[in-house]
C-alpha cells in the first residue's frame, strides 16, 4: 500500500507539472535559464524547490549534485534505461510528446544540471 501511495503521489506531481508545461507552451525554450527549464519541464513538482525538497524519499535530491551526474542520470531515465517505479513515471511523463509539450533536449538537460549543481 505504501508503494501504491508513493506512485499515486508522484503521478499527481507529474500531472501538475504537465499542467504548468502546457501553460508555458509557445515559450522560447532556447532562451530559458536552467531554473526556468527546471520549472518548465515540471521537475520542481517532484524534486522540489532548487532540487532540494523531493516529494518522497524515493525521488532524489538533485540540488548540489554534479552537473555531469544529473545530466547522465536524466538521460538514462528519458531513454528508459532505469528500472525504478519513479524513473518509469518520469520517463513516461517526459519522454513522449503526447504526454509533454516536448521532452527536454540535451542542451536543456545540461542547463538544468548546471543550475542544480550550484544550488
N, C-alpha and C. Protein backbone atom coordinates (compact mmCIF):
# COMPACT_ATOMS: atom_id res chain seq x y z
N UNK A 1 0.82 -1.19 0.00
CA UNK A 1 0.00 0.00 0.00
C UNK A 1 0.86 1.25 0.00
N UNK A 2 1.98 1.20 0.74
CA UNK A 2 2.86 2.37 0.83
C UNK A 2 3.42 2.71 -0.55
N UNK A 3 3.86 1.69 -1.32
CA UNK A 3 4.39 1.93 -2.66
C UNK A 3 3.32 2.51 -3.56
N UNK A 4 2.10 1.98 -3.46
CA UNK A 4 0.99 2.49 -4.27
C UNK A 4 0.75 3.96 -3.97
N UNK A 5 0.77 4.34 -2.69
CA UNK A 5 0.56 5.73 -2.30
C UNK A 5 1.66 6.61 -2.87
N UNK A 6 2.91 6.15 -2.84
CA UNK A 6 4.02 6.93 -3.39
C UNK A 6 3.86 7.11 -4.89
N UNK A 7 3.46 6.03 -5.58
CA UNK A 7 3.29 6.11 -7.03
C UNK A 7 2.16 7.09 -7.37
N UNK A 8 1.06 7.03 -6.63
CA UNK A 8 -0.05 7.95 -6.86
C UNK A 8 0.40 9.38 -6.61
N UNK A 9 1.16 9.60 -5.53
CA UNK A 9 1.66 10.94 -5.23
C UNK A 9 2.58 11.45 -6.31
N UNK A 10 3.47 10.60 -6.79
CA UNK A 10 4.40 11.00 -7.85
C UNK A 10 3.64 11.29 -9.14
N UNK A 11 2.61 10.48 -9.43
CA UNK A 11 1.80 10.71 -10.62
C UNK A 11 1.10 12.06 -10.55
N UNK A 12 0.54 12.38 -9.38
CA UNK A 12 -0.12 13.67 -9.21
C UNK A 12 0.87 14.80 -9.43
N UNK A 13 2.08 14.64 -8.94
CA UNK A 13 3.13 15.65 -9.14
C UNK A 13 3.40 15.85 -10.61
N UNK A 14 3.56 14.76 -11.32
CA UNK A 14 3.87 14.85 -12.74
C UNK A 14 2.72 15.50 -13.50
N UNK A 15 1.50 15.17 -13.14
CA UNK A 15 0.36 15.77 -13.82
C UNK A 15 0.29 17.27 -13.57
N UNK A 16 0.61 17.69 -12.35
CA UNK A 16 0.67 19.11 -12.05
C UNK A 16 1.73 19.77 -12.91
N UNK A 17 2.87 19.11 -13.04
CA UNK A 17 3.95 19.63 -13.87
C UNK A 17 3.55 19.73 -15.32
N UNK A 18 2.79 18.77 -15.79
CA UNK A 18 2.34 18.82 -17.17
C UNK A 18 1.40 19.99 -17.39
N UNK A 19 0.58 20.32 -16.39
CA UNK A 19 -0.28 21.49 -16.48
C UNK A 19 0.54 22.75 -16.62
N UNK A 20 1.61 22.86 -15.83
CA UNK A 20 2.50 24.02 -15.93
C UNK A 20 3.16 24.07 -17.30
N UNK A 21 3.59 22.92 -17.79
CA UNK A 21 4.23 22.87 -19.09
C UNK A 21 3.28 23.35 -20.17
N UNK A 22 2.04 22.91 -20.11
CA UNK A 22 1.07 23.32 -21.11
C UNK A 22 0.81 24.83 -21.03
N UNK A 23 0.83 25.37 -19.82
CA UNK A 23 0.62 26.80 -19.66
C UNK A 23 1.76 27.60 -20.27
N UNK A 24 2.94 27.02 -20.33
CA UNK A 24 4.10 27.71 -20.87
C UNK A 24 4.33 27.37 -22.34
N UNK A 25 3.39 26.63 -22.95
CA UNK A 25 3.54 26.26 -24.35
C UNK A 25 3.76 27.51 -25.19
N UNK A 26 4.61 27.39 -26.16
CA UNK A 26 4.92 28.53 -27.00
C UNK A 26 6.08 29.36 -26.47
N UNK A 27 6.58 28.99 -25.29
CA UNK A 27 7.72 29.70 -24.70
C UNK A 27 8.96 29.43 -25.56
N UNK A 28 9.80 30.44 -25.72
CA UNK A 28 11.06 30.29 -26.44
C UNK A 28 12.04 29.56 -25.53
N UNK A 29 12.04 28.26 -25.59
CA UNK A 29 12.82 27.43 -24.67
C UNK A 29 14.32 27.64 -24.80
N UNK A 30 14.81 27.98 -25.98
CA UNK A 30 16.25 28.16 -26.15
C UNK A 30 16.82 29.23 -25.23
N UNK A 31 16.01 30.21 -24.90
CA UNK A 31 16.48 31.33 -24.08
C UNK A 31 16.19 31.18 -22.60
N UNK A 32 15.58 30.06 -22.20
CA UNK A 32 15.27 29.87 -20.79
C UNK A 32 16.53 29.45 -20.03
N UNK A 33 16.64 29.93 -18.81
CA UNK A 33 17.75 29.56 -17.93
C UNK A 33 17.48 28.18 -17.34
N UNK A 34 18.49 27.62 -16.66
CA UNK A 34 18.34 26.30 -16.05
C UNK A 34 17.21 26.24 -15.04
N UNK A 35 17.07 27.28 -14.20
CA UNK A 35 15.99 27.26 -13.22
C UNK A 35 14.63 27.37 -13.89
N UNK A 36 14.52 28.16 -14.95
CA UNK A 36 13.25 28.27 -15.67
C UNK A 36 12.91 26.95 -16.36
N UNK A 37 13.92 26.27 -16.91
CA UNK A 37 13.69 24.97 -17.54
C UNK A 37 13.29 23.92 -16.51
N UNK A 38 13.85 23.99 -15.32
CA UNK A 38 13.51 23.08 -14.22
C UNK A 38 12.02 23.20 -13.90
N UNK A 39 11.51 24.42 -13.93
CA UNK A 39 10.08 24.62 -13.71
C UNK A 39 9.28 24.28 -14.95
N UNK A 40 9.75 24.69 -16.11
CA UNK A 40 9.04 24.46 -17.37
C UNK A 40 8.72 22.98 -17.58
N UNK A 41 9.71 22.14 -17.32
CA UNK A 41 9.52 20.70 -17.53
C UNK A 41 8.88 20.00 -16.33
N UNK A 42 8.54 20.75 -15.29
CA UNK A 42 7.84 20.18 -14.15
C UNK A 42 8.74 19.45 -13.16
N UNK A 43 10.05 19.57 -13.30
CA UNK A 43 10.99 18.89 -12.40
C UNK A 43 10.76 19.31 -10.95
N UNK A 44 10.44 20.59 -10.77
CA UNK A 44 10.23 21.16 -9.44
C UNK A 44 9.10 20.46 -8.70
N UNK A 45 8.14 19.92 -9.42
CA UNK A 45 6.97 19.31 -8.79
C UNK A 45 7.30 18.03 -8.03
N UNK A 46 8.34 17.34 -8.40
CA UNK A 46 8.73 16.13 -7.68
C UNK A 46 10.03 16.32 -6.90
N UNK A 47 10.98 17.08 -7.48
CA UNK A 47 12.28 17.25 -6.84
C UNK A 47 12.29 18.44 -5.88
N UNK A 48 11.27 19.28 -5.92
CA UNK A 48 11.17 20.40 -5.01
C UNK A 48 11.98 21.62 -5.42
N UNK A 49 11.78 22.70 -4.68
CA UNK A 49 12.47 23.95 -4.95
C UNK A 49 13.98 23.72 -4.93
N UNK A 50 14.66 24.22 -5.94
CA UNK A 50 16.11 24.10 -6.10
C UNK A 50 16.58 22.65 -6.08
N UNK A 51 15.66 21.72 -6.34
CA UNK A 51 16.01 20.31 -6.36
C UNK A 51 16.37 19.74 -5.00
N UNK A 52 15.93 20.44 -3.93
CA UNK A 52 16.34 20.05 -2.58
C UNK A 52 15.20 19.56 -1.68
N UNK A 53 13.99 19.51 -2.18
CA UNK A 53 12.85 19.10 -1.35
C UNK A 53 11.97 18.10 -2.08
N UNK A 54 12.49 16.88 -2.33
CA UNK A 54 11.70 15.87 -3.05
C UNK A 54 10.40 15.53 -2.32
N UNK A 55 9.39 15.16 -3.09
CA UNK A 55 8.09 14.86 -2.52
C UNK A 55 8.05 13.53 -1.77
N UNK A 56 8.94 12.61 -2.12
CA UNK A 56 9.04 11.34 -1.40
C UNK A 56 10.52 10.99 -1.24
N UNK A 57 10.78 10.02 -0.40
CA UNK A 57 12.16 9.57 -0.19
C UNK A 57 12.71 8.87 -1.42
N UNK A 58 11.84 8.40 -2.28
CA UNK A 58 12.28 7.70 -3.49
C UNK A 58 12.71 8.64 -4.60
N UNK A 59 12.29 9.90 -4.53
CA UNK A 59 12.70 10.89 -5.52
C UNK A 59 13.98 11.53 -5.01
N UNK A 60 15.03 11.52 -5.81
CA UNK A 60 16.32 12.01 -5.31
C UNK A 60 16.38 13.53 -5.18
N UNK A 61 17.17 13.95 -4.21
CA UNK A 61 17.52 15.36 -4.07
C UNK A 61 18.60 15.63 -5.12
N UNK A 62 18.41 16.64 -5.94
CA UNK A 62 19.35 16.91 -7.02
C UNK A 62 20.20 18.15 -6.78
N UNK A 63 19.70 19.10 -6.00
CA UNK A 63 20.44 20.33 -5.75
C UNK A 63 21.80 20.05 -5.14
N UNK A 64 22.85 20.61 -5.75
CA UNK A 64 24.20 20.44 -5.23
C UNK A 64 24.95 19.25 -5.79
N UNK A 65 24.29 18.40 -6.57
CA UNK A 65 25.00 17.27 -7.19
C UNK A 65 25.71 17.75 -8.44
N UNK A 66 26.70 17.01 -8.89
CA UNK A 66 27.48 17.40 -10.06
C UNK A 66 26.61 17.44 -11.32
N UNK A 67 26.84 18.45 -12.13
CA UNK A 67 26.06 18.65 -13.36
C UNK A 67 26.15 17.44 -14.29
N UNK A 68 27.33 16.87 -14.44
CA UNK A 68 27.50 15.71 -15.33
C UNK A 68 26.71 14.51 -14.83
N UNK A 69 26.66 14.33 -13.52
CA UNK A 69 25.90 13.22 -12.93
C UNK A 69 24.40 13.42 -13.21
N UNK A 70 23.90 14.63 -12.96
CA UNK A 70 22.48 14.93 -13.20
C UNK A 70 22.13 14.68 -14.66
N UNK A 71 22.96 15.18 -15.56
CA UNK A 71 22.72 15.01 -16.99
C UNK A 71 22.70 13.52 -17.35
N UNK A 72 23.70 12.76 -16.88
CA UNK A 72 23.78 11.33 -17.21
C UNK A 72 22.57 10.56 -16.70
N UNK A 73 22.16 10.82 -15.46
CA UNK A 73 21.01 10.10 -14.89
C UNK A 73 19.71 10.49 -15.59
N UNK A 74 19.51 11.78 -15.85
CA UNK A 74 18.29 12.21 -16.54
C UNK A 74 18.24 11.61 -17.94
N UNK A 75 19.37 11.54 -18.61
CA UNK A 75 19.42 10.95 -19.94
C UNK A 75 19.04 9.48 -19.90
N UNK A 76 19.56 8.75 -18.92
CA UNK A 76 19.21 7.33 -18.76
C UNK A 76 17.71 7.16 -18.55
N UNK A 77 17.13 8.00 -17.70
CA UNK A 77 15.70 7.90 -17.41
C UNK A 77 14.89 8.18 -18.66
N UNK A 78 15.25 9.23 -19.39
CA UNK A 78 14.49 9.58 -20.59
C UNK A 78 14.63 8.53 -21.69
N UNK A 79 15.71 7.77 -21.67
CA UNK A 79 15.89 6.69 -22.64
C UNK A 79 15.21 5.39 -22.17
N UNK A 80 14.68 5.40 -20.94
CA UNK A 80 14.02 4.21 -20.41
C UNK A 80 14.99 3.18 -19.86
N UNK A 81 16.19 3.61 -19.50
CA UNK A 81 17.22 2.69 -19.03
C UNK A 81 17.25 2.51 -17.52
N UNK A 82 16.37 3.14 -16.78
CA UNK A 82 16.31 3.00 -15.32
C UNK A 82 15.05 2.23 -14.97
N UNK A 83 15.12 1.36 -13.95
CA UNK A 83 14.03 0.44 -13.66
C UNK A 83 13.14 0.82 -12.48
N UNK A 84 13.49 1.82 -11.68
CA UNK A 84 12.66 2.13 -10.52
C UNK A 84 11.29 2.65 -10.97
N UNK A 85 10.31 2.51 -10.11
CA UNK A 85 8.96 2.98 -10.44
C UNK A 85 8.95 4.48 -10.69
N UNK A 86 9.72 5.23 -9.90
CA UNK A 86 9.77 6.68 -10.07
C UNK A 86 10.41 7.05 -11.40
N UNK A 87 11.47 6.32 -11.77
CA UNK A 87 12.13 6.57 -13.05
C UNK A 87 11.18 6.25 -14.20
N UNK A 88 10.41 5.19 -14.06
CA UNK A 88 9.45 4.83 -15.10
C UNK A 88 8.38 5.91 -15.24
N UNK A 89 7.92 6.46 -14.11
CA UNK A 89 6.94 7.55 -14.17
C UNK A 89 7.53 8.78 -14.84
N UNK A 90 8.74 9.12 -14.48
CA UNK A 90 9.39 10.28 -15.09
C UNK A 90 9.56 10.06 -16.59
N UNK A 91 9.98 8.87 -16.94
CA UNK A 91 10.17 8.54 -18.36
C UNK A 91 8.85 8.68 -19.12
N UNK A 92 7.79 8.09 -18.59
CA UNK A 92 6.52 8.13 -19.31
C UNK A 92 5.95 9.54 -19.38
N UNK A 93 6.21 10.35 -18.38
CA UNK A 93 5.68 11.71 -18.37
C UNK A 93 6.45 12.64 -19.30
N UNK A 94 7.73 12.41 -19.48
CA UNK A 94 8.55 13.36 -20.23
C UNK A 94 9.06 12.87 -21.57
N UNK A 95 9.13 11.58 -21.77
CA UNK A 95 9.79 11.06 -22.96
C UNK A 95 8.91 11.09 -24.21
N UNK A 96 7.62 11.24 -24.06
CA UNK A 96 6.74 11.19 -25.21
C UNK A 96 6.07 12.53 -25.44
N UNK A 97 6.07 12.98 -26.66
CA UNK A 97 5.46 14.27 -26.97
C UNK A 97 3.97 14.29 -26.67
N UNK A 98 3.32 13.15 -26.71
CA UNK A 98 1.88 13.12 -26.44
C UNK A 98 1.56 13.44 -24.99
N UNK A 99 2.53 13.23 -24.08
CA UNK A 99 2.26 13.49 -22.67
C UNK A 99 3.03 14.70 -22.15
N UNK A 100 3.76 15.36 -23.02
CA UNK A 100 4.56 16.51 -22.61
C UNK A 100 4.68 17.44 -23.80
N UNK A 101 4.77 18.74 -23.55
CA UNK A 101 4.93 19.68 -24.65
C UNK A 101 6.02 19.16 -25.58
N UNK A 102 7.18 19.00 -25.08
CA UNK A 102 8.29 18.32 -25.73
C UNK A 102 9.25 17.91 -24.63
N UNK A 103 9.85 16.75 -24.73
CA UNK A 103 10.81 16.35 -23.70
C UNK A 103 12.00 17.31 -23.70
N UNK A 104 12.72 17.38 -22.59
CA UNK A 104 13.90 18.25 -22.56
C UNK A 104 14.95 17.78 -23.56
N UNK A 105 15.58 18.74 -24.22
CA UNK A 105 16.67 18.43 -25.14
C UNK A 105 17.94 18.21 -24.35
N UNK A 106 18.98 17.72 -25.02
CA UNK A 106 20.27 17.55 -24.36
C UNK A 106 20.76 18.90 -23.82
N UNK A 107 20.64 19.94 -24.61
CA UNK A 107 21.10 21.26 -24.18
C UNK A 107 20.32 21.72 -22.95
N UNK A 108 19.01 21.44 -22.91
CA UNK A 108 18.20 21.83 -21.75
C UNK A 108 18.60 21.03 -20.52
N UNK A 109 18.82 19.74 -20.69
CA UNK A 109 19.25 18.91 -19.56
C UNK A 109 20.58 19.41 -18.99
N UNK A 110 21.47 19.82 -19.87
CA UNK A 110 22.76 20.35 -19.41
C UNK A 110 22.57 21.65 -18.65
N UNK A 111 21.70 22.54 -19.14
CA UNK A 111 21.42 23.80 -18.43
C UNK A 111 20.81 23.53 -17.06
N UNK A 112 19.87 22.60 -17.01
CA UNK A 112 19.23 22.25 -15.74
C UNK A 112 20.28 21.68 -14.78
N UNK A 113 21.12 20.76 -15.26
CA UNK A 113 22.15 20.17 -14.43
C UNK A 113 23.13 21.21 -13.91
N UNK A 114 23.53 22.14 -14.77
CA UNK A 114 24.47 23.19 -14.34
C UNK A 114 23.86 24.08 -13.27
N UNK A 115 22.56 24.39 -13.43
CA UNK A 115 21.88 25.20 -12.43
C UNK A 115 21.75 24.45 -11.11
N UNK A 116 21.33 23.19 -11.18
CA UNK A 116 21.16 22.39 -9.97
C UNK A 116 22.48 22.20 -9.22
N UNK A 117 23.56 22.08 -9.95
CA UNK A 117 24.87 21.83 -9.33
C UNK A 117 25.29 22.94 -8.38
N UNK A 118 24.81 24.14 -8.60
CA UNK A 118 25.20 25.27 -7.74
C UNK A 118 24.14 25.61 -6.70
N UNK A 119 23.15 24.76 -6.56
CA UNK A 119 22.10 25.03 -5.56
C UNK A 119 22.48 24.48 -4.21
